[in-house]
Amino acid sequence: MGCHVHSDLAIKLGAKSNEVGCLIVDNKQQTTVPGLYAAGDVVSDLHQLVVAEAHAAIAATAIHNSLTLNLR
């Protein structure tokens, strides 16, 4: 669609991307760099707000579930 994917920082951190620069993520939106999550246009060339929101919800849930409980 003539868009440039702004994934340069993530790639410099070691994240893998496809031929157009979209980051490769797992089913929880985590990139190939542990602890680095991605959502929206940097992951998919389907430029729709609802897609980005869904990616963000998945990533937020995964991040939340990965946190250890701080029991005092």
PDB file of N, CA and C in Angstrom:
ATOM      1  N   MET A   1       0.815  -1.207   0.000  1.00  0.00           N
ATOM      2  CA  MET A   1       0.000   0.000   0.000  1.00  0.00           C
ATOM      3  C   MET A   1       0.854   1.264   0.000  1.00  0.00           C
ATOM      4  N   GLY A   2       2.148   1.087  -0.121  1.00  0.00           N
ATOM      5  CA  GLY A   2       3.020   2.248  -0.154  1.00  0.00           C
ATOM      6  C   GLY A   2       3.366   2.798   1.213  1.00  0.00           C
ATOM      7  N   CYS A   3       3.153   2.038   2.252  1.00  0.00           N
ATOM      8  CA  CYS A   3       3.454   2.487   3.610  1.00  0.00           C
ATOM      9  C   CYS A   3       4.828   1.976   4.028  1.00  0.00           C
ATOM     10  N   HIS A   4       5.473   2.743   4.886  1.00  0.00           N
ATOM     11  CA  HIS A   4       6.762   2.326   5.440  1.00  0.00           C
ATOM     12  C   HIS A   4       6.532   1.852   6.870  1.00  0.00           C
ATOM     13  N   VAL A   5       6.976   0.651   7.178  1.00  0.00           N
ATOM     14  CA  VAL A   5       6.837   0.093   8.518  1.00  0.00           C
ATOM     15  C   VAL A   5       7.967   0.643   9.382  1.00  0.00           C
ATOM     16  N   HIS A   6       7.623   1.276  10.480  1.00  0.00           N
ATOM     17  CA  HIS A   6       8.614   1.874  11.381  1.00  0.00           C
ATOM     18  C   HIS A   6       9.014   0.881  12.466  1.00  0.00           C
ATOM     19  N   SER A   7       9.717  -0.163  12.058  1.00  0.00           N
ATOM     20  CA  SER A   7      10.133  -1.218  12.971  1.00  0.00           C
ATOM     21  C   SER A   7      11.641  -1.204  13.222  1.00  0.00           C
ATOM     22  N   ASP A   8      12.305  -0.138  12.800  1.00  0.00           N
ATOM     23  CA  ASP A   8      13.766  -0.073  12.862  1.00  0.00           C
ATOM     24  C   ASP A   8      14.321  -0.289  14.266  1.00  0.00           C
ATOM     25  N   LEU A   9      13.733   0.344  15.279  1.00  0.00           N
ATOM     26  CA  LEU A   9      14.229   0.212  16.642  1.00  0.00           C
ATOM     27  C   LEU A   9      14.134  -1.237  17.112  1.00  0.00           C
ATOM     28  N   ALA A  10      12.993  -1.863  16.888  1.00  0.00           N
ATOM     29  CA  ALA A  10      12.816  -3.260  17.301  1.00  0.00           C
ATOM     30  C   ALA A  10      13.806  -4.173  16.573  1.00  0.00           C
ATOM     31  N   ILE A  11      14.034  -3.919  15.314  1.00  0.00           N
ATOM     32  CA  ILE A  11      14.987  -4.726  14.539  1.00  0.00           C
ATOM     33  C   ILE A  11      16.400  -4.526  15.079  1.00  0.00           C
ATOM     34  N   LYS A  12      16.740  -3.288  15.439  1.00  0.00           N
ATOM     35  CA  LYS A  12      18.057  -3.030  16.032  1.00  0.00           C
ATOM     36  C   LYS A  12      18.219  -3.746  17.367  1.00  0.00           C
ATOM     37  N   LEU A  13      17.113  -3.966  18.065  1.00  0.00           N
ATOM     38  CA  LEU A  13      17.146  -4.697  19.330  1.00  0.00           C
ATOM     39  C   LEU A  13      17.206  -6.212  19.112  1.00  0.00           C
ATOM     40  N   GLY A  14      17.082  -6.648  17.860  1.00  0.00           N
ATOM     41  CA  GLY A  14      17.212  -8.058  17.534  1.00  0.00           C
ATOM     42  C   GLY A  14      15.940  -8.742  17.072  1.00  0.00           C
ATOM     43  N   ALA A  15      14.834  -8.004  16.984  1.00  0.00           N
ATOM     44  CA  ALA A  15      13.570  -8.606  16.542  1.00  0.00           C
ATOM     45  C   ALA A  15      13.647  -8.959  15.058  1.00  0.00           C
ATOM     46  N   LYS A  16      13.090 -10.088  14.717  1.00  0.00           N
ATOM     47  CA  LYS A  16      13.060 -10.514  13.312  1.00  0.00           C
ATOM     48  C   LYS A  16      11.831  -9.913  12.622  1.00  0.00           C
ATOM     49  N   SER A  17      11.990  -9.665  11.325  1.00  0.00           N
ATOM     50  CA  SER A  17      10.897  -9.088  10.538  1.00  0.00           C
ATOM     51  C   SER A  17      10.772  -9.833   9.221  1.00  0.00           C
ATOM     52  N   ASN A  18       9.655  -9.568   8.526  1.00  0.00           N
ATOM     53  CA  ASN A  18       9.483 -10.166   7.202  1.00  0.00           C
ATOM     54  C   ASN A  18      10.090  -9.238   6.151  1.00  0.00           C
ATOM     55  N   GLU A  19       9.875  -9.553   4.887  1.00  0.00           N
ATOM     56  CA  GLU A  19      10.513  -8.801   3.803  1.00  0.00           C
ATOM     57  C   GLU A  19      10.081  -7.339   3.701  1.00  0.00           C
ATOM     58  N   VAL A  20       8.924  -6.977   4.226  1.00  0.00           N
ATOM     59  CA  VAL A  20       8.480  -5.571   4.174  1.00  0.00           C
ATOM     60  C   VAL A  20       8.748  -4.830   5.477  1.00  0.00           C
ATOM     61  N   GLY A  21       9.275  -5.536   6.485  1.00  0.00           N
ATOM     62  CA  GLY A  21       9.620  -4.894   7.742  1.00  0.00           C
ATOM     63  C   GLY A  21       8.651  -5.114   8.879  1.00  0.00           C
ATOM     64  N   CYS A  22       7.553  -5.860   8.631  1.00  0.00           N
ATOM     65  CA  CYS A  22       6.618  -6.175   9.718  1.00  0.00           C
ATOM     66  C   CYS A  22       7.293  -7.152  10.675  1.00  0.00           C
ATOM     67  N   LEU A  23       7.143  -6.907  11.962  1.00  0.00           N
ATOM     68  CA  LEU A  23       7.783  -7.746  12.964  1.00  0.00           C
ATOM     69  C   LEU A  23       7.099  -9.100  13.065  1.00  0.00           C
ATOM     70  N   ILE A  24       7.896 -10.117  13.294  1.00  0.00           N
ATOM     71  CA  ILE A  24       7.394 -11.471  13.497  1.00  0.00           C
ATOM     72  C   ILE A  24       7.025 -11.598  14.979  1.00  0.00           C
ATOM     73  N   VAL A  25       5.787 -11.987  15.254  1.00  0.00           N
ATOM     74  CA  VAL A  25       5.332 -12.147  16.634  1.00  0.00           C
ATOM     75  C   VAL A  25       4.687 -13.516  16.815  1.00  0.00           C
ATOM     76  N   ASP A  26       4.607 -13.947  18.083  1.00  0.00           N
ATOM     77  CA  ASP A  26       3.928 -15.205  18.375  1.00  0.00           C
ATOM     78  C   ASP A  26       2.450 -14.932  18.637  1.00  0.00           C
ATOM     79  N   ASN A  27       1.729 -15.923  19.125  1.00  0.00           N
ATOM     80  CA  ASN A  27       0.291 -15.759  19.339  1.00  0.00           C
ATOM     81  C   ASN A  27      -0.049 -14.863  20.528  1.00  0.00           C
ATOM     82  N   LYS A  28       0.975 -14.377  21.234  1.00  0.00           N
ATOM     83  CA  LYS A  28       0.764 -13.429  22.332  1.00  0.00           C
ATOM     84  C   LYS A  28       1.350 -12.057  22.001  1.00  0.00           C
ATOM     85  N   GLN A  29       1.699 -11.852  20.736  1.00  0.00           N
ATOM     86  CA  GLN A  29       2.246 -10.598  20.217  1.00  0.00           C
ATOM     87  C   GLN A  29       3.681 -10.328  20.657  1.00  0.00           C
ATOM     88  N   GLN A  30       4.373 -11.340  21.183  1.00  0.00           N
ATOM     89  CA  GLN A  30       5.765 -11.160  21.578  1.00  0.00           C
ATOM     90  C   GLN A  30       6.660 -11.361  20.361  1.00  0.00           C
ATOM     91  N   THR A  31       7.602 -10.452  20.180  1.00  0.00           N
ATOM     92  CA  THR A  31       8.546 -10.566  19.072  1.00  0.00           C
ATOM     93  C   THR A  31       9.544 -11.675  19.383  1.00  0.00           C
ATOM     94  N   THR A  32      10.524 -11.823  18.543  1.00  0.00           N
ATOM     95  CA  THR A  32      11.564 -12.816  18.763  1.00  0.00           C
ATOM     96  C   THR A  32      12.541 -12.385  19.851  1.00  0.00           C
ATOM     97  N   VAL A  33      12.354 -11.184  20.402  1.00  0.00           N
ATOM     98  CA  VAL A  33      13.133 -10.705  21.541  1.00  0.00           C
ATOM     99  C   VAL A  33      12.266 -10.888  22.792  1.00  0.00           C
ATOM    100  N   PRO A  34      12.686 -11.727  23.721  1.00  0.00           N
ATOM    101  CA  PRO A  34      11.882 -11.947  24.929  1.00  0.00           C
ATOM    102  C   PRO A  34      11.555 -10.631  25.647  1.00  0.00           C
ATOM    103  N   GLY A  35      10.268 -10.447  25.964  1.00  0.00           N
ATOM    104  CA  GLY A  35       9.828  -9.250  26.665  1.00  0.00           C
ATOM    105  C   GLY A  35       9.501  -8.068  25.772  1.00  0.00           C
ATOM    106  N   LEU A  36       9.709  -8.198  24.468  1.00  0.00           N
ATOM    107  CA  LEU A  36       9.406  -7.121  23.525  1.00  0.00           C
ATOM    108  C   LEU A  36       8.161  -7.504  22.726  1.00  0.00           C
ATOM    109  N   TYR A  37       7.101  -6.746  22.931  1.00  0.00           N
ATOM    110  CA  TYR A  37       5.819  -7.016  22.286  1.00  0.00           C
ATOM    111  C   TYR A  37       5.550  -5.968  21.219  1.00  0.00           C
ATOM    112  N   ALA A  38       4.749  -6.326  20.228  1.00  0.00           N
ATOM    113  CA  ALA A  38       4.436  -5.401  19.147  1.00  0.00           C
ATOM    114  C   ALA A  38       2.971  -5.550  18.760  1.00  0.00           C
ATOM    115  N   ALA A  39       2.392  -4.453  18.276  1.00  0.00           N
ATOM    116  CA  ALA A  39       0.981  -4.450  17.901  1.00  0.00           C
ATOM    117  C   ALA A  39       0.746  -3.459  16.770  1.00  0.00           C
ATOM    118  N   GLY A  40      -0.321  -3.683  16.042  1.00  0.00           N
ATOM    119  CA  GLY A  40      -0.749  -2.727  15.024  1.00  0.00           C
ATOM    120  C   GLY A  40       0.018  -2.815  13.723  1.00  0.00           C
ATOM    121  N   ASP A  41       0.216  -1.666  13.105  1.00  0.00           N
ATOM    122  CA  ASP A  41       0.799  -1.594  11.760  1.00  0.00           C
ATOM    123  C   ASP A  41       2.228  -2.113  11.687  1.00  0.00           C
ATOM    124  N   VAL A  42       2.926  -2.172  12.807  1.00  0.00           N
ATOM    125  CA  VAL A  42       4.299  -2.678  12.804  1.00  0.00           C
ATOM    126  C   VAL A  42       4.321  -4.212  12.732  1.00  0.00           C
ATOM    127  N   VAL A  43       3.144  -4.827  12.925  1.00  0.00           N
ATOM    128  CA  VAL A  43       3.018  -6.286  12.876  1.00  0.00           C
ATOM    129  C   VAL A  43       2.277  -6.742  11.624  1.00  0.00           C
ATOM    130  N   SER A  44       1.326  -5.975  11.190  1.00  0.00           N
ATOM    131  CA  SER A  44       0.461  -6.374  10.087  1.00  0.00           C
ATOM    132  C   SER A  44       0.265  -5.205   9.127  1.00  0.00           C
ATOM    133  N   ASP A  45       0.186  -5.510   7.849  1.00  0.00           N
ATOM    134  CA  ASP A  45      -0.068  -4.433   6.889  1.00  0.00           C
ATOM    135  C   ASP A  45      -1.565  -4.222   6.662  1.00  0.00           C
ATOM    136  N   LEU A  46      -2.381  -4.800   7.526  1.00  0.00           N
ATOM    137  CA  LEU A  46      -3.814  -4.567   7.506  1.00  0.00           C
ATOM    138  C   LEU A  46      -4.079  -3.360   8.405  1.00  0.00           C
ATOM    139  N   HIS A  47      -4.094  -2.186   7.828  1.00  0.00           N
ATOM    140  CA  HIS A  47      -4.126  -0.926   8.576  1.00  0.00           C
ATOM    141  C   HIS A  47      -5.537  -0.598   9.054  1.00  0.00           C
ATOM    142  N   GLN A  48      -5.921  -1.248  10.135  1.00  0.00           N
ATOM    143  CA  GLN A  48      -7.236  -0.998  10.716  1.00  0.00           C
ATOM    144  C   GLN A  48      -7.081  -0.845  12.221  1.00  0.00           C
ATOM    145  N   LEU A  49      -7.776   0.137  12.769  1.00  0.00           N
ATOM    146  CA  LEU A  49      -7.689   0.427  14.194  1.00  0.00           C
ATOM    147  C   LEU A  49      -8.092  -0.771  15.038  1.00  0.00           C
ATOM    148  N   VAL A  50      -9.145  -1.453  14.644  1.00  0.00           N
ATOM    149  CA  VAL A  50      -9.621  -2.590  15.432  1.00  0.00           C
ATOM    150  C   VAL A  50      -8.575  -3.708  15.484  1.00  0.00           C
ATOM    151  N   VAL A  51      -7.781  -3.864  14.453  1.00  0.00           N
ATOM    152  CA  VAL A  51      -6.716  -4.869  14.447  1.00  0.00           C
ATOM    153  C   VAL A  51      -5.645  -4.476  15.460  1.00  0.00           C
ATOM    154  N   ALA A  52      -5.256  -3.219  15.457  1.00  0.00           N
ATOM    155  CA  ALA A  52      -4.257  -2.735  16.420  1.00  0.00           C
ATOM    156  C   ALA A  52      -4.762  -2.868  17.849  1.00  0.00           C
ATOM    157  N   GLU A  53      -6.030  -2.569  18.070  1.00  0.00           N
ATOM    158  CA  GLU A  53      -6.608  -2.695  19.412  1.00  0.00           C
ATOM    159  C   GLU A  53      -6.607  -4.151  19.870  1.00  0.00           C
ATOM    160  N   ALA A  54      -6.919  -5.065  18.974  1.00  0.00           N
ATOM    161  CA  ALA A  54      -6.902  -6.487  19.326  1.00  0.00           C
ATOM    162  C   ALA A  54      -5.488  -6.949  19.649  1.00  0.00           C
ATOM    163  N   HIS A  55      -4.519  -6.545  18.837  1.00  0.00           N
ATOM    164  CA  HIS A  55      -3.118  -6.878  19.120  1.00  0.00           C
ATOM    165  C   HIS A  55      -2.726  -6.365  20.499  1.00  0.00           C
ATOM    166  N   ALA A  56      -3.092  -5.126  20.794  1.00  0.00           N
ATOM    167  CA  ALA A  56      -2.733  -4.509  22.078  1.00  0.00           C
ATOM    168  C   ALA A  56      -3.377  -5.242  23.247  1.00  0.00           C
ATOM    169  N   ALA A  57      -4.622  -5.662  23.099  1.00  0.00           N
ATOM    170  CA  ALA A  57      -5.304  -6.396  24.167  1.00  0.00           C
ATOM    171  C   ALA A  57      -4.628  -7.740  24.422  1.00  0.00           C
ATOM    172  N   ILE A  58      -4.240  -8.418  23.367  1.00  0.00           N
ATOM    173  CA  ILE A  58      -3.552  -9.696  23.500  1.00  0.00           C
ATOM    174  C   ILE A  58      -2.206  -9.500  24.191  1.00  0.00           C
ATOM    175  N   ALA A  59      -1.446  -8.502  23.749  1.00  0.00           N
ATOM    176  CA  ALA A  59      -0.136  -8.228  24.341  1.00  0.00           C
ATOM    177  C   ALA A  59      -0.264  -7.815  25.806  1.00  0.00           C
ATOM    178  N   ALA A  60      -1.220  -6.961  26.115  1.00  0.00           N
ATOM    179  CA  ALA A  60      -1.403  -6.502  27.498  1.00  0.00           C
ATOM    180  C   ALA A  60      -1.748  -7.666  28.418  1.00  0.00           C
ATOM    181  N   THR A  61      -2.583  -8.570  27.957  1.00  0.00           N
ATOM    182  CA  THR A  61      -2.943  -9.741  28.751  1.00  0.00           C
ATOM    183  C   THR A  61      -1.724 -10.627  28.985  1.00  0.00           C
ATOM    184  N   ALA A  62      -0.940 -10.848  27.946  1.00  0.00           N
ATOM    185  CA  ALA A  62       0.264 -11.671  28.073  1.00  0.00           C
ATOM    186  C   ALA A  62       1.259 -11.037  29.031  1.00  0.00           C
ATOM    187  N   ILE A  63       1.443  -9.730  28.930  1.00  0.00           N
ATOM    188  CA  ILE A  63       2.365  -9.024  29.831  1.00  0.00           C
ATOM    189  C   ILE A  63       1.866  -9.134  31.266  1.00  0.00           C
ATOM    190  N   HIS A  64       0.587  -8.883  31.476  1.00  0.00           N
ATOM    191  CA  HIS A  64       0.005  -8.978  32.817  1.00  0.00           C
ATOM    192  C   HIS A  64       0.208 -10.380  33.398  1.00  0.00           C
ATOM    193  N   ASN A  65      -0.081 -11.383  32.603  1.00  0.00           N
ATOM    194  CA  ASN A  65       0.051 -12.769  33.075  1.00  0.00           C
ATOM    195  C   ASN A  65       1.492 -13.180  33.328  1.00  0.00           C
ATOM    196  N   SER A  66       2.435 -12.479  32.741  1.00  0.00           N
ATOM    197  CA  SER A  66       3.844 -12.827  32.931  1.00  0.00           C
ATOM    198  C   SER A  66       4.448 -12.173  34.184  1.00  0.00           C
ATOM    199  N   LEU A  67       3.746 -11.207  34.745  1.00  0.00           N
ATOM    200  CA  LEU A  67       4.266 -10.514  35.933  1.00  0.00           C
ATOM    201  C   LEU A  67       4.154 -11.413  37.157  1.00  0.00           C
ATOM    202  N   THR A  68       5.161 -11.377  37.987  1.00  0.00           N
ATOM    203  CA  THR A  68       5.099 -12.139  39.226  1.00  0.00           C
ATOM    204  C   THR A  68       4.337 -11.333  40.266  1.00  0.00           C
ATOM    205  N   LEU A  69       3.660 -12.028  41.132  1.00  0.00           N
ATOM    206  CA  LEU A  69       2.929 -11.347  42.204  1.00  0.00           C
ATOM    207  C   LEU A  69       3.906 -10.885  43.272  1.00  0.00           C
ATOM    208  N   ASN A  70       3.708  -9.678  43.726  1.00  0.00           N
ATOM    209  CA  ASN A  70       4.540  -9.116  44.772  1.00  0.00           C
ATOM    210  C   ASN A  70       3.790  -9.271  46.087  1.00  0.00           C
ATOM    211  N   LEU A  71       3.951 -10.415  46.719  1.00  0.00           N
ATOM    212  CA  LEU A  71       3.245 -10.687  47.963  1.00  0.00           C
ATOM    213  C   LEU A  71       4.091 -10.225  49.144  1.00  0.00           C
ATOM    214  N   ARG A  72       3.467  -9.446  49.996  1.00  0.00           N
ATOM    215  CA  ARG A  72       4.197  -8.949  51.169  1.00  0.00           C
ATOM    216  C   ARG A  72       3.557  -9.462  52.420  1.00  0.00           C
TER     217      ARG A  72
END
